C-alpha atoms as a PDB file:
ATOM      1  CA  MET A   1     121.422  81.572 108.425  1.00  0.00           C
ATOM      2  CA  LYS A   2     122.074  78.856 111.024  1.00  0.00           C
ATOM      3  CA  TYR A   3     119.793  80.708 113.414  1.00  0.00           C
ATOM      4  CA  TYR A   4     116.905  80.808 110.923  1.00  0.00           C
ATOM      5  CA  ASN A   5     117.382  77.165 109.972  1.00  0.00           C
ATOM      6  CA  SER A   6     117.207  76.285 113.656  1.00  0.00           C
ATOM      7  CA  ILE A   7     113.977  78.242 114.332  1.00  0.00           C
ATOM      8  CA  ALA A   8     112.173  77.373 111.080  1.00  0.00           C
ATOM      9  CA  LYS A   9     109.773  74.991 112.810  1.00  0.00           C
ATOM     10  CA  GLY A  10     108.478  77.636 115.244  1.00  0.00           C
ATOM     11  CA  TYR A  11     109.141  80.794 113.208  1.00  0.00           C
ATOM     12  CA  GLU A  12     105.502  81.607 112.547  1.00  0.00           C
ATOM     13  CA  GLU A  13     104.584  81.030 116.175  1.00  0.00           C
ATOM     14  CA  LEU A  14     107.257  83.551 117.127  1.00  0.00           C
ATOM     15  CA  HIS A  15     106.688  86.199 114.455  1.00  0.00           C
ATOM     16  CA  LYS A  16     103.374  85.738 112.617  1.00  0.00           C
ATOM     17  CA  GLU A  17     101.415  88.395 114.507  1.00  0.00           C
ATOM     18  CA  GLU A  18     104.048  91.122 114.187  1.00  0.00           C
ATOM     19  CA  GLN A  19     104.631  90.365 110.485  1.00  0.00           C
ATOM     20  CA  GLN A  20     100.890  90.575 109.812  1.00  0.00           C
ATOM     21  CA  GLU A  21     100.783  94.004 111.487  1.00  0.00           C
ATOM     22  CA  LYS A  22     103.523  95.227 109.135  1.00  0.00           C
ATOM     23  CA  LEU A  23     101.654  93.822 106.133  1.00  0.00           C
ATOM     24  CA  LYS A  24      98.510  95.750 107.152  1.00  0.00           C
ATOM     25  CA  ILE A  25     100.488  98.995 106.989  1.00  0.00           C
ATOM     26  CA  ILE A  26     102.230  98.061 103.740  1.00  0.00           C
ATOM     27  CA  LYS A  27      98.957  97.126 102.012  1.00  0.00           C
ATOM     28  CA  LYS A  28      97.745 100.718 102.478  1.00  0.00           C
ATOM     29  CA  PHE A  29     100.528 101.865 100.141  1.00  0.00           C
ATOM     30  CA  LEU A  30     101.094  98.924  97.825  1.00  0.00           C
ATOM     31  CA  LYS A  31      98.432  97.745  95.394  1.00  0.00           C
ATOM     32  CA  VAL A  32      98.937  94.701  93.196  1.00  0.00           C
ATOM     33  CA  SER A  33      96.921  93.015  90.456  1.00  0.00           C
ATOM     34  CA  LYS A  34      96.813  89.358  89.447  1.00  0.00           C
ATOM     35  CA  ASN A  35      99.469  90.048  86.770  1.00  0.00           C
ATOM     36  CA  THR A  36     101.879  91.831  89.127  1.00  0.00           C
ATOM     37  CA  LYS A  37     105.130  89.936  89.667  1.00  0.00           C
ATOM     38  CA  LEU A  38     106.249  90.311  93.301  1.00  0.00           C
ATOM     39  CA  LEU A  39     109.522  89.158  94.839  1.00  0.00           C
ATOM     40  CA  ASP A  40     109.926  88.755  98.598  1.00  0.00           C
ATOM     41  CA  VAL A  41     113.631  88.944  99.505  1.00  0.00           C
ATOM     42  CA  GLY A  42     114.306  87.084 102.744  1.00  0.00           C
ATOM     43  CA  CYS A  43     110.899  85.404 102.482  1.00  0.00           C
ATOM     44  CA  GLY A  44     111.527  82.852 105.224  1.00  0.00           C
ATOM     45  CA  THR A  45     108.481  80.597 105.610  1.00  0.00           C
ATOM     46  CA  GLY A  46     106.475  82.575 103.047  1.00  0.00           C
ATOM     47  CA  LEU A  47     104.501  84.414 105.688  1.00  0.00           C
ATOM     48  CA  THR A  48     105.046  87.826 104.046  1.00  0.00           C
ATOM     49  CA  THR A  49     104.877  86.417 100.490  1.00  0.00           C
ATOM     50  CA  SER A  50     101.579  84.542 100.667  1.00  0.00           C
ATOM     51  CA  PRO A  51      98.969  87.294 101.316  1.00  0.00           C
ATOM     52  CA  TRP A  52      99.500  89.113  98.020  1.00  0.00           C
ATOM     53  CA  ARG A  53      97.061  88.410  95.163  1.00  0.00           C
ATOM     54  CA  CYS A  54      99.527  88.298  92.299  1.00  0.00           C
ATOM     55  CA  LYS A  55     102.372  86.206  90.830  1.00  0.00           C
ATOM     56  CA  LYS A  56     104.546  85.558  93.880  1.00  0.00           C
ATOM     57  CA  TYR A  57     108.203  84.643  94.215  1.00  0.00           C
ATOM     58  CA  GLY A  58     110.399  84.372  97.292  1.00  0.00           C
ATOM     59  CA  ILE A  59     114.091  83.926  97.961  1.00  0.00           C
ATOM     60  CA  ASP A  60     115.845  83.010 101.175  1.00  0.00           C
ATOM     61  CA  PRO A  61     119.211  81.411 102.012  1.00  0.00           C
ATOM     62  CA  ALA A  62     117.825  79.303 104.901  1.00  0.00           C
ATOM     63  CA  GLU A  63     116.925  75.860 103.527  1.00  0.00           C
ATOM     64  CA  ASN A  64     114.678  74.877 106.463  1.00  0.00           C
ATOM     65  CA  MET A  65     112.637  78.057 106.141  1.00  0.00           C
ATOM     66  CA  LEU A  66     112.202  77.472 102.399  1.00  0.00           C
ATOM     67  CA  GLN A  67     111.171  73.858 102.889  1.00  0.00           C
ATOM     68  CA  LYS A  68     108.410  75.036 105.196  1.00  0.00           C
ATOM     69  CA  ALA A  69     107.374  77.739 102.694  1.00  0.00           C
ATOM     70  CA  LYS A  70     107.280  75.324  99.741  1.00  0.00           C
ATOM     71  CA  LYS A  71     105.197  72.838 101.707  1.00  0.00           C
ATOM     72  CA  LYS A  72     102.703  75.423 102.949  1.00  0.00           C
ATOM     73  CA  TYR A  73     102.448  77.484  99.733  1.00  0.00           C
ATOM     74  CA  PRO A  74     103.068  75.150  96.746  1.00  0.00           C
ATOM     75  CA  LYS A  75     101.816  77.696  94.172  1.00  0.00           C
ATOM     76  CA  ILE A  76     104.477  80.266  95.079  1.00  0.00           C
ATOM     77  CA  ILE A  77     107.890  80.034  93.405  1.00  0.00           C
ATOM     78  CA  PHE A  78     110.555  79.850  96.105  1.00  0.00           C
ATOM     79  CA  LYS A  79     114.298  79.715  95.418  1.00  0.00           C
ATOM     80  CA  LYS A  80     117.264  79.306  97.712  1.00  0.00           C
ATOM     81  CA  ALA A  81     119.341  82.429  97.195  1.00  0.00           C
ATOM     82  CA  LYS A  82     121.026  85.267  99.009  1.00  0.00           C
ATOM     83  CA  ALA A  83     119.897  88.861  98.611  1.00  0.00           C
ATOM     84  CA  GLU A  84     123.370  89.724  97.349  1.00  0.00           C
ATOM     85  CA  LYS A  85     122.919  87.460  94.305  1.00  0.00           C
ATOM     86  CA  ILE A  86     119.275  87.318  93.224  1.00  0.00           C
ATOM     87  CA  PRO A  87     118.768  84.692  90.478  1.00  0.00           C
ATOM     88  CA  PHE A  88     116.455  86.705  88.220  1.00  0.00           C
ATOM     89  CA  LYS A  89     117.042  89.014  85.258  1.00  0.00           C
ATOM     90  CA  ALA A  90     117.029  92.801  85.521  1.00  0.00           C
ATOM     91  CA  SER A  91     113.653  94.545  85.894  1.00  0.00           C
ATOM     92  CA  PHE A  92     111.856  91.182  86.149  1.00  0.00           C
ATOM     93  CA  PHE A  93     109.634  92.190  89.079  1.00  0.00           C
ATOM     94  CA  ASP A  94     106.975  94.875  89.284  1.00  0.00           C
ATOM     95  CA  VAL A  95     107.319  94.914  93.080  1.00  0.00           C
ATOM     96  CA  VAL A  96     110.127  93.854  95.410  1.00  0.00           C
ATOM     97  CA  ILE A  97     109.564  93.612  99.142  1.00  0.00           C
ATOM     98  CA  SER A  98     111.911  92.702 101.950  1.00  0.00           C
ATOM     99  CA  ILE A  99     110.279  92.514 105.362  1.00  0.00           C
ATOM    100  CA  THR A 100     112.484  92.552 108.484  1.00  0.00           C
ATOM    101  CA  ALA A 101     115.443  91.061 106.636  1.00  0.00           C
ATOM    102  CA  LEU A 102     117.876  93.837 105.638  1.00  0.00           C
ATOM    103  CA  GLN A 103     119.724  93.780 108.942  1.00  0.00           C
ATOM    104  CA  ASN A 104     120.567  90.094 108.330  1.00  0.00           C
ATOM    105  CA  PHE A 105     122.188  90.507 104.914  1.00  0.00           C
ATOM    106  CA  GLN A 106     125.951  89.941 104.753  1.00  0.00           C
ATOM    107  CA  ASN A 107     126.538  92.866 102.396  1.00  0.00           C
ATOM    108  CA  ILE A 108     123.650  95.310 102.696  1.00  0.00           C
ATOM    109  CA  GLU A 109     124.729  97.632  99.895  1.00  0.00           C
ATOM    110  CA  LYS A 110     125.233  94.775  97.450  1.00  0.00           C
ATOM    111  CA  ALA A 111     121.814  93.369  98.424  1.00  0.00           C
ATOM    112  CA  LEU A 112     120.120  96.742  97.889  1.00  0.00           C
ATOM    113  CA  LYS A 113     121.745  97.047  94.454  1.00  0.00           C
ATOM    114  CA  GLU A 114     120.448  93.573  93.576  1.00  0.00           C
ATOM    115  CA  ILE A 115     116.954  94.420  94.831  1.00  0.00           C
ATOM    116  CA  LYS A 116     116.988  97.548  92.676  1.00  0.00           C
ATOM    117  CA  ARG A 117     118.360  95.616  89.682  1.00  0.00           C
ATOM    118  CA  VAL A 118     115.591  92.980  89.632  1.00  0.00           C
ATOM    119  CA  GLY A 119     112.787  95.442  90.424  1.00  0.00           C
ATOM    120  CA  LYS A 120     111.168  98.126  88.337  1.00  0.00           C
ATOM    121  CA  ASP A 121     109.992 101.026  90.500  1.00  0.00           C
ATOM    122  CA  LYS A 122     108.020  99.712  93.480  1.00  0.00           C
ATOM    123  CA  PHE A 123     109.852  98.588  96.592  1.00  0.00           C
ATOM    124  CA  ILE A 124     108.951  98.115 100.245  1.00  0.00           C
ATOM    125  CA  LEU A 125     111.922  97.625 102.556  1.00  0.00           C
ATOM    126  CA  THR A 126     111.729  97.135 106.302  1.00  0.00           C
ATOM    127  CA  PHE A 127     114.258  96.367 108.983  1.00  0.00           C
ATOM    128  CA  LEU A 128     114.459  96.205 112.754  1.00  0.00           C
ATOM    129  CA  LYS A 129     114.701  99.730 114.112  1.00  0.00           C
ATOM    130  CA  LYS A 130     116.709  98.493 117.115  1.00  0.00           C
ATOM    131  CA  SER A 131     119.403  97.109 114.768  1.00  0.00           C
ATOM    132  CA  SER A 132     122.887  98.477 115.378  1.00  0.00           C
ATOM    133  CA  LYS A 133     123.110  98.730 111.562  1.00  0.00           C
ATOM    134  CA  ARG A 134     120.203 101.203 111.438  1.00  0.00           C
ATOM    135  CA  PRO A 135     122.225 104.343 110.526  1.00  0.00           C
ATOM    136  CA  ASN A 136     124.057 102.503 107.750  1.00  0.00           C
ATOM    137  CA  ILE A 137     120.915 100.833 106.372  1.00  0.00           C
ATOM    138  CA  ASN A 138     119.062 104.165 106.392  1.00  0.00           C
ATOM    139  CA  ARG A 139     121.937 105.860 104.553  1.00  0.00           C
ATOM    140  CA  LEU A 140     122.201 103.076 101.965  1.00  0.00           C
ATOM    141  CA  ILE A 141     118.473 102.927 101.241  1.00  0.00           C
ATOM    142  CA  LYS A 142     118.424 106.694 100.699  1.00  0.00           C
ATOM    143  CA  LYS A 143     121.535 106.440  98.516  1.00  0.00           C
ATOM    144  CA  HIS A 144     120.030 103.833  96.171  1.00  0.00           C
ATOM    145  CA  PHE A 145     116.296 104.602  96.214  1.00  0.00           C
ATOM    146  CA  LYS A 146     113.993 107.598  96.116  1.00  0.00           C
ATOM    147  CA  VAL A 147     112.080 107.073  99.370  1.00  0.00           C
ATOM    148  CA  LYS A 148     108.503 108.321  99.350  1.00  0.00           C
ATOM    149  CA  LYS A 149     107.738 107.691 103.023  1.00  0.00           C
ATOM    150  CA  ILE A 150     109.283 106.174 106.156  1.00  0.00           C
ATOM    151  CA  ILE A 151     106.907 104.678 108.695  1.00  0.00           C
ATOM    152  CA  GLU A 152     107.999 103.847 112.207  1.00  0.00           C
ATOM    153  CA  GLU A 153     106.171 100.683 113.162  1.00  0.00           C
ATOM    154  CA  THR A 154     106.408  98.949 116.559  1.00  0.00           C
ATOM    155  CA  LYS A 155     109.555  96.977 115.702  1.00  0.00           C
ATOM    156  CA  ASP A 156     110.500  98.045 112.170  1.00  0.00           C
ATOM    157  CA  LEU A 157     111.152 101.046 110.009  1.00  0.00           C
ATOM    158  CA  ILE A 158     109.152 100.697 106.788  1.00  0.00           C
ATOM    159  CA  TYR A 159     110.515 102.399 103.675  1.00  0.00           C
ATOM    160  CA  ILE A 160     107.902 103.025 100.999  1.00  0.00           C
ATOM    161  CA  ILE A 161     109.559 103.435  97.602  1.00  0.00           C
ATOM    162  CA  ILE A 162     106.756 103.958  95.094  1.00  0.00           C
ATOM    163  CA  PRO A 163     106.572 106.587  92.336  1.00  0.00           C
END
């Protein structure tokens, strides 16, 4: 979290292009409507939350990242929270996404259980494929979700979990 607080100012300069490439792929599989409630877990500056045309929410534990998100996207509901303890009721969201964040969670299995708890049946989960946690993350996603498709993107593995 300290790392992300320290790079908040230049985060989009560093990662905007690569995150937009992932979103292009994801949008081929995930359709939303204006009434869809979407949660972005590990939303950072709101870069991966903002493009969706629906009711958008984001959580992140890094205060500086959230401050930037709230300033840039005032219509999106952002909350400071960890993935392991998401402050929403069960089945509240139609869609839950987490883009390039899983490898940063303190307790990945607990976070995945929380993601599943607050979502209904549509999830998009990505993480850095070079992460040393890759085998464990892969195993845990498959343990807790019925994966429809895995896409190997330049830097991430994208797990499409849609009925």
